[in-house]
Amino acid sequence: MNYLATEYKHIQLNDNQVPVIEGSTMKVVELITSHLTYGWSPEELHFQYPHIALGKIYSALAYYWDHQAAFENDISQRLEKVNRLQRQGPNSRIAQKLRERGVIS
């Protein structure tokens, strides 16, 4: 896979123009969803993903803040796709049993 440099140190665009953290296969959106979902600080992100240097994490966060609308749109589309696939797919046996017990609807 080829990577294009960006004006952000440590952030590259892959062949699909998706920002990736340099020297890894981690997409910036993956790091950002952990940051947003769990409220993890850069230091906590580094603790959780020790293979990503702290400087690279700060660069990914800067890239996110400068492109926040595009990331929010991307995340929203990903969630819509997951929800659509869940609705289209068969119910799991666990979900079915929980519905039968009235635990979930």
PDB file of N, CA and C in Angstrom:
ATOM      1  N   MET A   1       0.850  -1.172   0.000  1.00  0.00           N
ATOM      2  CA  MET A   1       0.000   0.000   0.000  1.00  0.00           C
ATOM      3  C   MET A   1       0.898   1.237   0.000  1.00  0.00           C
ATOM      4  N   ASN A   2       0.539   2.206  -0.774  1.00  0.00           N
ATOM      5  CA  ASN A   2       1.275   3.463  -0.830  1.00  0.00           C
ATOM      6  C   ASN A   2       0.681   4.461   0.145  1.00  0.00           C
ATOM      7  N   TYR A   3       1.535   5.319   0.668  1.00  0.00           N
ATOM      8  CA  TYR A   3       1.085   6.352   1.593  1.00  0.00           C
ATOM      9  C   TYR A   3       1.560   7.705   1.096  1.00  0.00           C
ATOM     10  N   LEU A   4       0.693   8.696   1.203  1.00  0.00           N
ATOM     11  CA  LEU A   4       1.031  10.066   0.849  1.00  0.00           C
ATOM     12  C   LEU A   4       1.225  10.864   2.122  1.00  0.00           C
ATOM     13  N   ALA A   5       2.253  11.683   2.141  1.00  0.00           N
ATOM     14  CA  ALA A   5       2.506  12.544   3.292  1.00  0.00           C
ATOM     15  C   ALA A   5       1.424  13.622   3.372  1.00  0.00           C
ATOM     16  N   THR A   6       1.174  14.099   4.554  1.00  0.00           N
ATOM     17  CA  THR A   6       0.266  15.232   4.767  1.00  0.00           C
ATOM     18  C   THR A   6       1.080  16.341   5.409  1.00  0.00           C
ATOM     19  N   GLU A   7       0.444  17.468   5.648  1.00  0.00           N
ATOM     20  CA  GLU A   7       1.157  18.544   6.325  1.00  0.00           C
ATOM     21  C   GLU A   7       1.283  18.287   7.823  1.00  0.00           C
ATOM     22  N   TYR A   8       0.696  17.192   8.286  1.00  0.00           N
ATOM     23  CA  TYR A   8       0.766  16.800   9.695  1.00  0.00           C
ATOM     24  C   TYR A   8       1.847  15.739   9.853  1.00  0.00           C
ATOM     25  N   LYS A   9       2.806  16.053  10.694  1.00  0.00           N
ATOM     26  CA  LYS A   9       3.858  15.077  10.951  1.00  0.00           C
ATOM     27  C   LYS A   9       3.217  13.811  11.523  1.00  0.00           C
ATOM     28  N   HIS A  10       3.638  12.670  11.030  1.00  0.00           N
ATOM     29  CA  HIS A  10       3.191  11.352  11.489  1.00  0.00           C
ATOM     30  C   HIS A  10       1.839  10.924  10.929  1.00  0.00           C
ATOM     31  N   ILE A  11       1.202  11.711  10.079  1.00  0.00           N
ATOM     32  CA  ILE A  11      -0.086  11.330   9.506  1.00  0.00           C
ATOM     33  C   ILE A  11       0.085  11.200   7.999  1.00  0.00           C
ATOM     34  N   GLN A  12      -0.337  10.044   7.488  1.00  0.00           N
ATOM     35  CA  GLN A  12      -0.254   9.778   6.048  1.00  0.00           C
ATOM     36  C   GLN A  12      -1.638   9.387   5.545  1.00  0.00           C
ATOM     37  N   LEU A  13      -1.849   9.551   4.245  1.00  0.00           N
ATOM     38  CA  LEU A  13      -3.084   9.103   3.618  1.00  0.00           C
ATOM     39  C   LEU A  13      -2.797   7.816   2.866  1.00  0.00           C
ATOM     40  N   ASN A  14      -3.642   6.802   3.073  1.00  0.00           N
ATOM     41  CA  ASN A  14      -3.438   5.543   2.351  1.00  0.00           C
ATOM     42  C   ASN A  14      -4.027   5.666   0.946  1.00  0.00           C
ATOM     43  N   ASP A  15      -4.046   4.574   0.205  1.00  0.00           N
ATOM     44  CA  ASP A  15      -4.534   4.592  -1.173  1.00  0.00           C
ATOM     45  C   ASP A  15      -5.982   5.071  -1.284  1.00  0.00           C
ATOM     46  N   ASN A  16      -6.755   4.887  -0.232  1.00  0.00           N
ATOM     47  CA  ASN A  16      -8.163   5.308  -0.214  1.00  0.00           C
ATOM     48  C   ASN A  16      -8.345   6.700   0.382  1.00  0.00           C
ATOM     49  N   GLN A  17      -7.233   7.416   0.568  1.00  0.00           N
ATOM     50  CA  GLN A  17      -7.241   8.767   1.136  1.00  0.00           C
ATOM     51  C   GLN A  17      -7.714   8.799   2.596  1.00  0.00           C
ATOM     52  N   VAL A  18      -7.524   7.700   3.295  1.00  0.00           N
ATOM     53  CA  VAL A  18      -7.871   7.595   4.711  1.00  0.00           C
ATOM     54  C   VAL A  18      -6.625   7.914   5.521  1.00  0.00           C
ATOM     55  N   PRO A  19      -6.718   8.850   6.490  1.00  0.00           N
ATOM     56  CA  PRO A  19      -5.547   9.170   7.305  1.00  0.00           C
ATOM     57  C   PRO A  19      -5.157   8.024   8.236  1.00  0.00           C
ATOM     58  N   VAL A  20      -3.861   7.704   8.195  1.00  0.00           N
ATOM     59  CA  VAL A  20      -3.292   6.597   8.965  1.00  0.00           C
ATOM     60  C   VAL A  20      -2.098   7.135   9.749  1.00  0.00           C
ATOM     61  N   ILE A  21      -1.886   6.593  10.926  1.00  0.00           N
ATOM     62  CA  ILE A  21      -0.746   6.996  11.736  1.00  0.00           C
ATOM     63  C   ILE A  21       0.510   6.350  11.160  1.00  0.00           C
ATOM     64  N   GLU A  22       1.491   7.169  10.863  1.00  0.00           N
ATOM     65  CA  GLU A  22       2.740   6.736  10.244  1.00  0.00           C
ATOM     66  C   GLU A  22       3.376   5.579  10.999  1.00  0.00           C
ATOM     67  N   GLY A  23       3.853   4.586  10.255  1.00  0.00           N
ATOM     68  CA  GLY A  23       4.537   3.450  10.859  1.00  0.00           C
ATOM     69  C   GLY A  23       3.609   2.438  11.487  1.00  0.00           C
ATOM     70  N   SER A  24       2.313   2.566  11.231  1.00  0.00           N
ATOM     71  CA  SER A  24       1.338   1.632  11.789  1.00  0.00           C
ATOM     72  C   SER A  24       0.251   1.396  10.749  1.00  0.00           C
ATOM     73  N   THR A  25      -0.650   0.523  11.079  1.00  0.00           N
ATOM     74  CA  THR A  25      -1.830   0.324  10.246  1.00  0.00           C
ATOM     75  C   THR A  25      -3.055   0.983  10.869  1.00  0.00           C
ATOM     76  N   MET A  26      -2.858   1.708  11.972  1.00  0.00           N
ATOM     77  CA  MET A  26      -3.975   2.311  12.685  1.00  0.00           C
ATOM     78  C   MET A  26      -4.477   3.556  11.972  1.00  0.00           C
ATOM     79  N   LYS A  27      -5.761   3.539  11.672  1.00  0.00           N
ATOM     80  CA  LYS A  27      -6.403   4.710  11.093  1.00  0.00           C
ATOM     81  C   LYS A  27      -6.607   5.737  12.196  1.00  0.00           C
ATOM     82  N   VAL A  28      -6.515   6.996  11.816  1.00  0.00           N
ATOM     83  CA  VAL A  28      -6.713   8.069  12.798  1.00  0.00           C
ATOM     84  C   VAL A  28      -8.106   7.946  13.413  1.00  0.00           C
ATOM     85  N   VAL A  29      -9.106   7.587  12.624  1.00  0.00           N
ATOM     86  CA  VAL A  29     -10.466   7.476  13.140  1.00  0.00           C
ATOM     87  C   VAL A  29     -10.560   6.430  14.248  1.00  0.00           C
ATOM     88  N   GLU A  30      -9.757   5.388  14.187  1.00  0.00           N
ATOM     89  CA  GLU A  30      -9.778   4.364  15.235  1.00  0.00           C
ATOM     90  C   GLU A  30      -9.271   4.937  16.562  1.00  0.00           C
ATOM     91  N   LEU A  31      -8.214   5.717  16.490  1.00  0.00           N
ATOM     92  CA  LEU A  31      -7.689   6.350  17.698  1.00  0.00           C
ATOM     93  C   LEU A  31      -8.701   7.360  18.244  1.00  0.00           C
ATOM     94  N   ILE A  32      -9.299   8.123  17.333  1.00  0.00           N
ATOM     95  CA  ILE A  32     -10.244   9.162  17.742  1.00  0.00           C
ATOM     96  C   ILE A  32     -11.487   8.564  18.375  1.00  0.00           C
ATOM     97  N   THR A  33     -11.981   7.449  17.867  1.00  0.00           N
ATOM     98  CA  THR A  33     -13.165   6.851  18.493  1.00  0.00           C
ATOM     99  C   THR A  33     -12.860   6.404  19.922  1.00  0.00           C
ATOM    100  N   SER A  34     -11.644   5.936  20.183  1.00  0.00           N
ATOM    101  CA  SER A  34     -11.262   5.596  21.562  1.00  0.00           C
ATOM    102  C   SER A  34     -11.216   6.861  22.423  1.00  0.00           C
ATOM    103  N   HIS A  35     -10.674   7.908  21.865  1.00  0.00           N
ATOM    104  CA  HIS A  35     -10.595   9.189  22.580  1.00  0.00           C
ATOM    105  C   HIS A  35     -12.000   9.701  22.918  1.00  0.00           C
ATOM    106  N   LEU A  36     -12.903   9.663  21.944  1.00  0.00           N
ATOM    107  CA  LEU A  36     -14.248  10.192  22.153  1.00  0.00           C
ATOM    108  C   LEU A  36     -15.110   9.274  23.016  1.00  0.00           C
ATOM    109  N   THR A  37     -15.014   7.981  22.792  1.00  0.00           N
ATOM    110  CA  THR A  37     -15.854   7.032  23.510  1.00  0.00           C
ATOM    111  C   THR A  37     -15.492   6.937  24.987  1.00  0.00           C
ATOM    112  N   TYR A  38     -14.208   6.852  25.266  1.00  0.00           N
ATOM    113  CA  TYR A  38     -13.769   6.636  26.641  1.00  0.00           C
ATOM    114  C   TYR A  38     -13.255   7.897  27.326  1.00  0.00           C
ATOM    115  N   GLY A  39     -13.099   8.975  26.558  1.00  0.00           N
ATOM    116  CA  GLY A  39     -12.583  10.213  27.137  1.00  0.00           C
ATOM    117  C   GLY A  39     -11.112  10.118  27.490  1.00  0.00           C
ATOM    118  N   TRP A  40     -10.390   9.224  26.810  1.00  0.00           N
ATOM    119  CA  TRP A  40      -8.985   9.008  27.127  1.00  0.00           C
ATOM    120  C   TRP A  40      -8.131  10.195  26.732  1.00  0.00           C
ATOM    121  N   SER A  41      -7.242  10.577  27.606  1.00  0.00           N
ATOM    122  CA  SER A  41      -6.251  11.624  27.350  1.00  0.00           C
ATOM    123  C   SER A  41      -5.198  11.062  26.394  1.00  0.00           C
ATOM    124  N   PRO A  42      -4.350  11.924  25.838  1.00  0.00           N
ATOM    125  CA  PRO A  42      -3.257  11.415  24.998  1.00  0.00           C
ATOM    126  C   PRO A  42      -2.379  10.397  25.734  1.00  0.00           C
ATOM    127  N   GLU A  43      -2.136  10.650  27.001  1.00  0.00           N
ATOM    128  CA  GLU A  43      -1.304   9.724  27.777  1.00  0.00           C
ATOM    129  C   GLU A  43      -1.994   8.372  27.956  1.00  0.00           C
ATOM    130  N   GLU A  44      -3.299   8.397  28.195  1.00  0.00           N
ATOM    131  CA  GLU A  44      -4.044   7.146  28.332  1.00  0.00           C
ATOM    132  C   GLU A  44      -4.110   6.412  26.992  1.00  0.00           C
ATOM    133  N   LEU A  45      -4.276   7.161  25.902  1.00  0.00           N
ATOM    134  CA  LEU A  45      -4.251   6.531  24.579  1.00  0.00           C
ATOM    135  C   LEU A  45      -2.915   5.824  24.353  1.00  0.00           C
ATOM    136  N   HIS A  46      -1.842   6.469  24.766  1.00  0.00           N
ATOM    137  CA  HIS A  46      -0.512   5.864  24.621  1.00  0.00           C
ATOM    138  C   HIS A  46      -0.388   4.614  25.494  1.00  0.00           C
ATOM    139  N   PHE A  47      -0.968   4.655  26.686  1.00  0.00           N
ATOM    140  CA  PHE A  47      -0.960   3.487  27.564  1.00  0.00           C
ATOM    141  C   PHE A  47      -1.729   2.333  26.913  1.00  0.00           C
ATOM    142  N   GLN A  48      -2.873   2.635  26.310  1.00  0.00           N
ATOM    143  CA  GLN A  48      -3.711   1.619  25.684  1.00  0.00           C
ATOM    144  C   GLN A  48      -3.124   1.115  24.366  1.00  0.00           C
ATOM    145  N   TYR A  49      -2.419   2.000  23.660  1.00  0.00           N
ATOM    146  CA  TYR A  49      -1.809   1.662  22.372  1.00  0.00           C
ATOM    147  C   TYR A  49      -0.312   1.971  22.451  1.00  0.00           C
ATOM    148  N   PRO A  50       0.438   1.194  23.206  1.00  0.00           N
ATOM    149  CA  PRO A  50       1.851   1.513  23.438  1.00  0.00           C
ATOM    150  C   PRO A  50       2.710   1.470  22.176  1.00  0.00           C
ATOM    151  N   HIS A  51       2.214   0.860  21.124  1.00  0.00           N
ATOM    152  CA  HIS A  51       2.970   0.825  19.869  1.00  0.00           C
ATOM    153  C   HIS A  51       2.867   2.147  19.100  1.00  0.00           C
ATOM    154  N   ILE A  52       2.014   3.061  19.567  1.00  0.00           N
ATOM    155  CA  ILE A  52       1.871   4.376  18.947  1.00  0.00           C
ATOM    156  C   ILE A  52       2.554   5.398  19.848  1.00  0.00           C
ATOM    157  N   ALA A  53       3.591   6.037  19.340  1.00  0.00           N
ATOM    158  CA  ALA A  53       4.343   7.022  20.127  1.00  0.00           C
ATOM    159  C   ALA A  53       3.443   8.200  20.505  1.00  0.00           C
ATOM    160  N   LEU A  54       3.711   8.783  21.652  1.00  0.00           N
ATOM    161  CA  LEU A  54       2.904   9.889  22.151  1.00  0.00           C
ATOM    162  C   LEU A  54       2.871  11.060  21.162  1.00  0.00           C
ATOM    163  N   GLY A  55       3.984  11.354  20.522  1.00  0.00           N
ATOM    164  CA  GLY A  55       4.012  12.428  19.534  1.00  0.00           C
ATOM    165  C   GLY A  55       3.077  12.155  18.368  1.00  0.00           C
ATOM    166  N   LYS A  56       2.990  10.895  17.968  1.00  0.00           N
ATOM    167  CA  LYS A  56       2.090  10.515  16.887  1.00  0.00           C
ATOM    168  C   LYS A  56       0.634  10.646  17.320  1.00  0.00           C
ATOM    169  N   ILE A  57       0.355  10.356  18.568  1.00  0.00           N
ATOM    170  CA  ILE A  57      -0.999  10.513  19.101  1.00  0.00           C
ATOM    171  C   ILE A  57      -1.398  11.983  19.093  1.00  0.00           C
ATOM    172  N   TYR A  58      -0.501  12.855  19.539  1.00  0.00           N
ATOM    173  CA  TYR A  58      -0.801  14.291  19.513  1.00  0.00           C
ATOM    174  C   TYR A  58      -1.010  14.776  18.085  1.00  0.00           C
ATOM    175  N   SER A  59      -0.247  14.270  17.150  1.00  0.00           N
ATOM    176  CA  SER A  59      -0.404  14.652  15.753  1.00  0.00           C
ATOM    177  C   SER A  59      -1.764  14.187  15.221  1.00  0.00           C
ATOM    178  N   ALA A  60      -2.162  12.974  15.584  1.00  0.00           N
ATOM    179  CA  ALA A  60      -3.471  12.463  15.162  1.00  0.00           C
ATOM    180  C   ALA A  60      -4.605  13.288  15.757  1.00  0.00           C
ATOM    181  N   LEU A  61      -4.455  13.687  17.010  1.00  0.00           N
ATOM    182  CA  LEU A  61      -5.477  14.535  17.635  1.00  0.00           C
ATOM    183  C   LEU A  61      -5.550  15.899  16.956  1.00  0.00           C
ATOM    184  N   ALA A  62      -4.411  16.461  16.607  1.00  0.00           N
ATOM    185  CA  ALA A  62      -4.400  17.747  15.891  1.00  0.00           C
ATOM    186  C   ALA A  62      -5.091  17.594  14.541  1.00  0.00           C
ATOM    187  N   TYR A  63      -4.799  16.500  13.847  1.00  0.00           N
ATOM    188  CA  TYR A  63      -5.433  16.248  12.555  1.00  0.00           C
ATOM    189  C   TYR A  63      -6.943  16.158  12.732  1.00  0.00           C
ATOM    190  N   TYR A  64      -7.387  15.457  13.772  1.00  0.00           N
ATOM    191  CA  TYR A  64      -8.821  15.343  14.056  1.00  0.00           C
ATOM    192  C   TYR A  64      -9.451  16.713  14.297  1.00  0.00           C
ATOM    193  N   TRP A  65      -8.856  17.513  15.157  1.00  0.00           N
ATOM    194  CA  TRP A  65      -9.459  18.806  15.489  1.00  0.00           C
ATOM    195  C   TRP A  65      -9.522  19.731  14.278  1.00  0.00           C
ATOM    196  N   ASP A  66      -8.569  19.596  13.382  1.00  0.00           N
ATOM    197  CA  ASP A  66      -8.580  20.430  12.179  1.00  0.00           C
ATOM    198  C   ASP A  66      -9.519  19.894  11.101  1.00  0.00           C
ATOM    199  N   HIS A  67      -9.985  18.666  11.249  1.00  0.00           N
ATOM    200  CA  HIS A  67     -10.878  18.035  10.280  1.00  0.00           C
ATOM    201  C   HIS A  67     -12.088  17.420  10.986  1.00  0.00           C
ATOM    202  N   GLN A  68     -12.516  18.038  12.056  1.00  0.00           N
ATOM    203  CA  GLN A  68     -13.536  17.462  12.933  1.00  0.00           C
ATOM    204  C   GLN A  68     -14.842  17.144  12.201  1.00  0.00           C
ATOM    205  N   ALA A  69     -15.319  18.030  11.358  1.00  0.00           N
ATOM    206  CA  ALA A  69     -16.591  17.791  10.665  1.00  0.00           C
ATOM    207  C   ALA A  69     -16.506  16.540   9.779  1.00  0.00           C
ATOM    208  N   ALA A  70     -15.404  16.379   9.073  1.00  0.00           N
ATOM    209  CA  ALA A  70     -15.239  15.208   8.213  1.00  0.00           C
ATOM    210  C   ALA A  70     -15.196  13.929   9.050  1.00  0.00           C
ATOM    211  N   PHE A  71     -14.528  13.965  10.206  1.00  0.00           N
ATOM    212  CA  PHE A  71     -14.465  12.790  11.070  1.00  0.00           C
ATOM    213  C   PHE A  71     -15.834  12.456  11.644  1.00  0.00           C
ATOM    214  N   GLU A  72     -16.571  13.473  12.081  1.00  0.00           N
ATOM    215  CA  GLU A  72     -17.898  13.221  12.633  1.00  0.00           C
ATOM    216  C   GLU A  72     -18.811  12.618  11.575  1.00  0.00           C
ATOM    217  N   ASN A  73     -18.698  13.073  10.340  1.00  0.00           N
ATOM    218  CA  ASN A  73     -19.472  12.505   9.249  1.00  0.00           C
ATOM    219  C   ASN A  73     -19.065  11.047   9.012  1.00  0.00           C
ATOM    220  N   ASP A  74     -17.768  10.777   9.009  1.00  0.00           N
ATOM    221  CA  ASP A  74     -17.263   9.420   8.811  1.00  0.00           C
ATOM    222  C   ASP A  74     -17.747   8.493   9.919  1.00  0.00           C
ATOM    223  N   ILE A  75     -17.639   8.934  11.148  1.00  0.00           N
ATOM    224  CA  ILE A  75     -18.074   8.121  12.293  1.00  0.00           C
ATOM    225  C   ILE A  75     -19.577   7.860  12.208  1.00  0.00           C
ATOM    226  N   SER A  76     -20.341   8.878  11.855  1.00  0.00           N
ATOM    227  CA  SER A  76     -21.790   8.731  11.723  1.00  0.00           C
ATOM    228  C   SER A  76     -22.138   7.712  10.640  1.00  0.00           C
ATOM    229  N   GLN A  77     -21.447   7.774   9.511  1.00  0.00           N
ATOM    230  CA  GLN A  77     -21.692   6.807   8.437  1.00  0.00           C
ATOM    231  C   GLN A  77     -21.333   5.390   8.869  1.00  0.00           C
ATOM    232  N   ARG A  78     -20.250   5.261   9.615  1.00  0.00           N
ATOM    233  CA  ARG A  78     -19.855   3.936  10.102  1.00  0.00           C
ATOM    234  C   ARG A  78     -20.914   3.369  11.055  1.00  0.00           C
ATOM    235  N   LEU A  79     -21.444   4.206  11.946  1.00  0.00           N
ATOM    236  CA  LEU A  79     -22.477   3.749  12.880  1.00  0.00           C
ATOM    237  C   LEU A  79     -23.758   3.373  12.144  1.00  0.00           C
ATOM    238  N   GLU A  80     -24.125   4.160  11.139  1.00  0.00           N
ATOM    239  CA  GLU A  80     -25.308   3.832  10.340  1.00  0.00           C
ATOM    240  C   GLU A  80     -25.141   2.485   9.651  1.00  0.00           C
ATOM    241  N   LYS A  81     -23.952   2.229   9.127  1.00  0.00           N
ATOM    242  CA  LYS A  81     -23.698   0.954   8.455  1.00  0.00           C
ATOM    243  C   LYS A  81     -23.808  -0.207   9.437  1.00  0.00           C
ATOM    244  N   VAL A  82     -23.225  -0.047  10.627  1.00  0.00           N
ATOM    245  CA  VAL A  82     -23.308  -1.094  11.644  1.00  0.00           C
ATOM    246  C   VAL A  82     -24.765  -1.356  12.022  1.00  0.00           C
ATOM    247  N   ASN A  83     -25.527  -0.286  12.249  1.00  0.00           N
ATOM    248  CA  ASN A  83     -26.938  -0.446  12.612  1.00  0.00           C
ATOM    249  C   ASN A  83     -27.722  -1.136  11.501  1.00  0.00           C
ATOM    250  N   ARG A  84     -27.461  -0.767  10.250  1.00  0.00           N
ATOM    251  CA  ARG A  84     -28.145  -1.377   9.115  1.00  0.00           C
ATOM    252  C   ARG A  84     -27.806  -2.872   9.034  1.00  0.00           C
ATOM    253  N   LEU A  85     -26.538  -3.200   9.187  1.00  0.00           N
ATOM    254  CA  LEU A  85     -26.134  -4.604   9.128  1.00  0.00           C
ATOM    255  C   LEU A  85     -26.738  -5.405  10.274  1.00  0.00           C
ATOM    256  N   GLN A  86     -26.844  -4.796  11.440  1.00  0.00           N
ATOM    257  CA  GLN A  86     -27.446  -5.494  12.576  1.00  0.00           C
ATOM    258  C   GLN A  86     -28.929  -5.753  12.333  1.00  0.00           C
ATOM    259  N   ARG A  87     -29.609  -4.778  11.726  1.00  0.00           N
ATOM    260  CA  ARG A  87     -31.037  -4.961  11.436  1.00  0.00           C
ATOM    261  C   ARG A  87     -31.251  -6.023  10.360  1.00  0.00           C
ATOM    262  N   GLN A  88     -30.353  -6.085   9.387  1.00  0.00           N
ATOM    263  CA  GLN A  88     -30.497  -7.022   8.274  1.00  0.00           C
ATOM    264  C   GLN A  88     -30.070  -8.439   8.644  1.00  0.00           C
ATOM    265  N   GLY A  89     -29.171  -8.544   9.580  1.00  0.00           N
ATOM    266  CA  GLY A  89     -28.631  -9.853   9.932  1.00  0.00           C
ATOM    267  C   GLY A  89     -29.570 -10.624  10.829  1.00  0.00           C
ATOM    268  N   PRO A  90     -29.317 -11.916  10.949  1.00  0.00           N
ATOM    269  CA  PRO A  90     -30.137 -12.747  11.838  1.00  0.00           C
ATOM    270  C   PRO A  90     -29.849 -12.382  13.299  1.00  0.00           C
ATOM    271  N   ASN A  91     -30.862 -12.586  14.112  1.00  0.00           N
ATOM    272  CA  ASN A  91     -30.697 -12.342  15.539  1.00  0.00           C
ATOM    273  C   ASN A  91     -29.788 -13.401  16.133  1.00  0.00           C
ATOM    274  N   SER A  92     -28.952 -12.986  17.043  1.00  0.00           N
ATOM    275  CA  SER A  92     -28.114 -13.960  17.732  1.00  0.00           C
ATOM    276  C   SER A  92     -28.985 -14.741  18.718  1.00  0.00           C
ATOM    277  N   ARG A  93     -28.513 -15.902  19.084  1.00  0.00           N
ATOM    278  CA  ARG A  93     -29.267 -16.713  20.048  1.00  0.00           C
ATOM    279  C   ARG A  93     -29.347 -16.010  21.394  1.00  0.00           C
ATOM    280  N   ILE A  94     -28.286 -15.315  21.754  1.00  0.00           N
ATOM    281  CA  ILE A  94     -28.291 -14.593  23.039  1.00  0.00           C
ATOM    282  C   ILE A  94     -29.332 -13.485  23.008  1.00  0.00           C
ATOM    283  N   ALA A  95     -29.359 -12.701  21.920  1.00  0.00           N
ATOM    284  CA  ALA A  95     -30.342 -11.622  21.811  1.00  0.00           C
ATOM    285  C   ALA A  95     -31.754 -12.174  21.837  1.00  0.00           C
ATOM    286  N   GLN A  96     -31.974 -13.290  21.153  1.00  0.00           N
ATOM    287  CA  GLN A  96     -33.299 -13.902  21.132  1.00  0.00           C
ATOM    288  C   GLN A  96     -33.723 -14.323  22.534  1.00  0.00           C
ATOM    289  N   LYS A  97     -32.835 -14.941  23.288  1.00  0.00           N
ATOM    290  CA  LYS A  97     -33.165 -15.366  24.656  1.00  0.00           C
ATOM    291  C   LYS A  97     -33.435 -14.162  25.559  1.00  0.00           C
ATOM    292  N   LEU A  98     -32.660 -13.093  25.390  1.00  0.00           N
ATOM    293  CA  LEU A  98     -32.889 -11.894  26.196  1.00  0.00           C
ATOM    294  C   LEU A  98     -34.230 -11.252  25.844  1.00  0.00           C
ATOM    295  N   ARG A  99     -34.619 -11.285  24.575  1.00  0.00           N
ATOM    296  CA  ARG A  99     -35.934 -10.763  24.182  1.00  0.00           C
ATOM    297  C   ARG A  99     -37.049 -11.609  24.795  1.00  0.00           C
ATOM    298  N   GLU A 100     -36.883 -12.921  24.768  1.00  0.00           N
ATOM    299  CA  GLU A 100     -37.887 -13.817  25.329  1.00  0.00           C
ATOM    300  C   GLU A 100     -38.058 -13.574  26.833  1.00  0.00           C
ATOM    301  N   ARG A 101     -37.008 -13.204  27.507  1.00  0.00           N
ATOM    302  CA  ARG A 101     -37.061 -12.927  28.947  1.00  0.00           C
ATOM    303  C   ARG A 101     -37.482 -11.489  29.246  1.00  0.00           C
ATOM    304  N   GLY A 102     -37.617 -10.682  28.189  1.00  0.00           N
ATOM    305  CA  GLY A 102     -38.027  -9.294  28.367  1.00  0.00           C
ATOM    306  C   GLY A 102     -36.915  -8.374  28.820  1.00  0.00           C
ATOM    307  N   VAL A 103     -35.686  -8.846  28.733  1.00  0.00           N
ATOM    308  CA  VAL A 103     -34.549  -8.035  29.170  1.00  0.00           C
ATOM    309  C   VAL A 103     -34.263  -6.931  28.157  1.00  0.00           C
ATOM    310  N   ILE A 104     -34.398  -7.248  26.870  1.00  0.00           N
ATOM    311  CA  ILE A 104     -34.216  -6.246  25.808  1.00  0.00           C
ATOM    312  C   ILE A 104     -35.444  -6.286  24.911  1.00  0.00           C
ATOM    313  N   SER A 105     -35.594  -5.246  24.133  1.00  0.00           N
ATOM    314  CA  SER A 105     -36.749  -5.233  23.218  1.00  0.00           C
ATOM    315  C   SER A 105     -36.303  -5.380  21.789  1.00  0.00           C
TER     316      SER A 105
END
